[in-house]
Amino acid sequence: MSNIEWILIIITIFLVILLFRYIQLKKQIRNLADQVNELNSGNSQQMLDISLIDKDLERLAGILNQYNIRQRQAVAGVLRNEEYLKESVANISHDLRTPLPI
């Protein structure tokens, strides 16, 4: 075999490996997008899967998980504040209806 044939074989192998890697990354991005979509629609309470092949995608999933945790904490805080406000209004209402002793 000539040098050109060897170079073509090496380039072909390299391109096949590159194509395989590209397909893997696309599959992981699609999977991550589906998981985020499930979280946004409220159909899932699970954290995003961060056992990914690509380190950058793994980092992105970790950041999205942190954002999700902060969002849940913010919603819980709002619900606590609403409950406190309801209790305060009920107490004030009770105090206004209760006659003062003379």
Protein backbone atom coordinates (compact mmCIF):
# COMPACT_ATOMS: atom_id res chain seq x y z
CA MET A 1 0.00 0.00 0.00
CA SER A 2 1.19 3.46 -0.78
CA ASN A 3 1.51 6.31 1.64
CA ILE A 4 -1.59 8.01 0.24
CA GLU A 5 -3.71 4.91 0.89
CA TRP A 6 -2.46 4.77 4.50
CA ILE A 7 -3.23 8.44 4.99
CA LEU A 8 -6.73 7.95 3.57
CA ILE A 9 -7.33 4.97 5.87
CA ILE A 10 -6.15 6.94 8.90
CA ILE A 11 -8.30 9.92 7.96
CA THR A 12 -11.31 7.64 7.44
CA ILE A 13 -10.81 6.01 10.85
CA PHE A 14 -10.44 9.43 12.44
CA LEU A 15 -13.65 10.65 10.79
CA VAL A 16 -15.56 7.56 11.92
CA ILE A 17 -14.39 8.10 15.51
CA LEU A 18 -15.31 11.78 15.28
CA LEU A 19 -18.76 10.92 13.90
CA PHE A 20 -19.34 8.41 16.69
CA ARG A 21 -18.38 11.03 19.30
CA TYR A 22 -20.67 13.58 17.68
CA ILE A 23 -23.61 11.16 17.76
CA GLN A 24 -22.95 10.43 21.46
CA LEU A 25 -22.88 14.13 22.31
CA LYS A 26 -26.10 14.79 20.40
CA LYS A 27 -27.80 11.92 22.23
CA GLN A 28 -26.69 13.26 25.62
CA ILE A 29 -27.81 16.80 24.76
CA ARG A 30 -31.21 15.46 23.69
CA ASN A 31 -31.48 13.43 26.92
CA LEU A 32 -30.52 16.45 29.03
CA ALA A 33 -33.04 18.63 27.19
CA ASP A 34 -35.77 16.04 27.83
CA GLN A 35 -34.92 15.98 31.55
CA VAL A 36 -35.03 19.79 31.77
CA ASN A 37 -38.34 19.79 29.93
CA GLU A 38 -39.76 17.29 32.45
CA LEU A 39 -38.61 19.51 35.32
CA ASN A 40 -40.14 22.61 33.75
CA SER A 41 -43.46 20.92 33.13
CA GLY A 42 -43.62 19.72 36.73
CA ASN A 43 -43.77 16.05 35.75
CA SER A 44 -40.56 15.21 37.58
CA GLN A 45 -38.97 16.09 40.90
CA GLN A 46 -35.69 14.30 40.16
CA MET A 47 -32.42 16.08 39.70
CA LEU A 48 -30.73 15.99 36.31
CA ASP A 49 -28.52 13.00 35.56
CA ILE A 50 -24.92 14.21 35.64
CA SER A 51 -23.20 10.95 34.77
CA LEU A 52 -22.40 12.14 31.28
CA ILE A 53 -19.45 11.41 29.05
CA ASP A 54 -18.69 15.03 28.21
CA LYS A 55 -17.32 17.08 31.12
CA ASP A 56 -18.84 20.33 29.82
CA LEU A 57 -22.30 18.76 29.66
CA GLU A 58 -21.76 17.31 33.12
CA ARG A 59 -20.89 20.79 34.41
CA LEU A 60 -23.98 22.25 32.72
CA ALA A 61 -26.20 19.62 34.34
CA GLY A 62 -24.66 20.42 37.73
CA ILE A 63 -25.34 24.14 37.27
CA LEU A 64 -28.92 23.42 36.23
CA ASN A 65 -29.34 21.22 39.32
CA GLN A 66 -28.12 24.07 41.54
CA TYR A 67 -30.57 26.43 39.84
CA ASN A 68 -33.38 23.92 40.38
CA ILE A 69 -32.52 23.64 44.09
CA ARG A 70 -32.56 27.43 44.48
CA GLN A 71 -35.91 27.65 42.70
CA ARG A 72 -37.40 25.02 45.02
CA GLN A 73 -36.05 26.86 48.06
CA ALA A 74 -37.51 30.15 46.78
CA VAL A 75 -40.94 28.58 46.27
CA ALA A 76 -40.80 27.02 49.74
CA GLY A 77 -39.89 30.43 51.20
CA VAL A 78 -42.80 32.11 49.44
CA LEU A 79 -45.18 29.43 50.71
CA ARG A 80 -43.87 29.90 54.27
CA ASN A 81 -44.30 33.67 54.00
CA GLU A 82 -47.84 33.27 52.68
CA GLU A 83 -48.72 30.99 55.60
CA TYR A 84 -47.23 33.48 58.07
CA LEU A 85 -49.21 36.30 56.46
CA LYS A 86 -52.45 34.29 56.63
CA GLU A 87 -51.87 33.57 60.31
CA SER A 88 -51.10 37.23 61.01
CA VAL A 89 -54.25 38.41 59.24
CA ALA A 90 -56.33 35.83 61.12
CA ASN A 91 -54.85 36.97 64.44
CA ILE A 92 -55.43 40.64 63.65
CA SER A 93 -58.99 39.88 62.54
CA HIS A 94 -59.63 37.99 65.76
CA ASP A 95 -58.21 40.85 67.82
CA LEU A 96 -60.42 43.38 66.03
CA ARG A 97 -63.56 41.32 66.65
CA THR A 98 -62.80 40.68 70.29
CA PRO A 99 -64.24 43.48 72.48
CA LEU A 100 -61.86 45.14 74.89
CA PRO A 101 -62.71 44.70 78.57
CA ILE A 102 -63.78 47.94 80.24
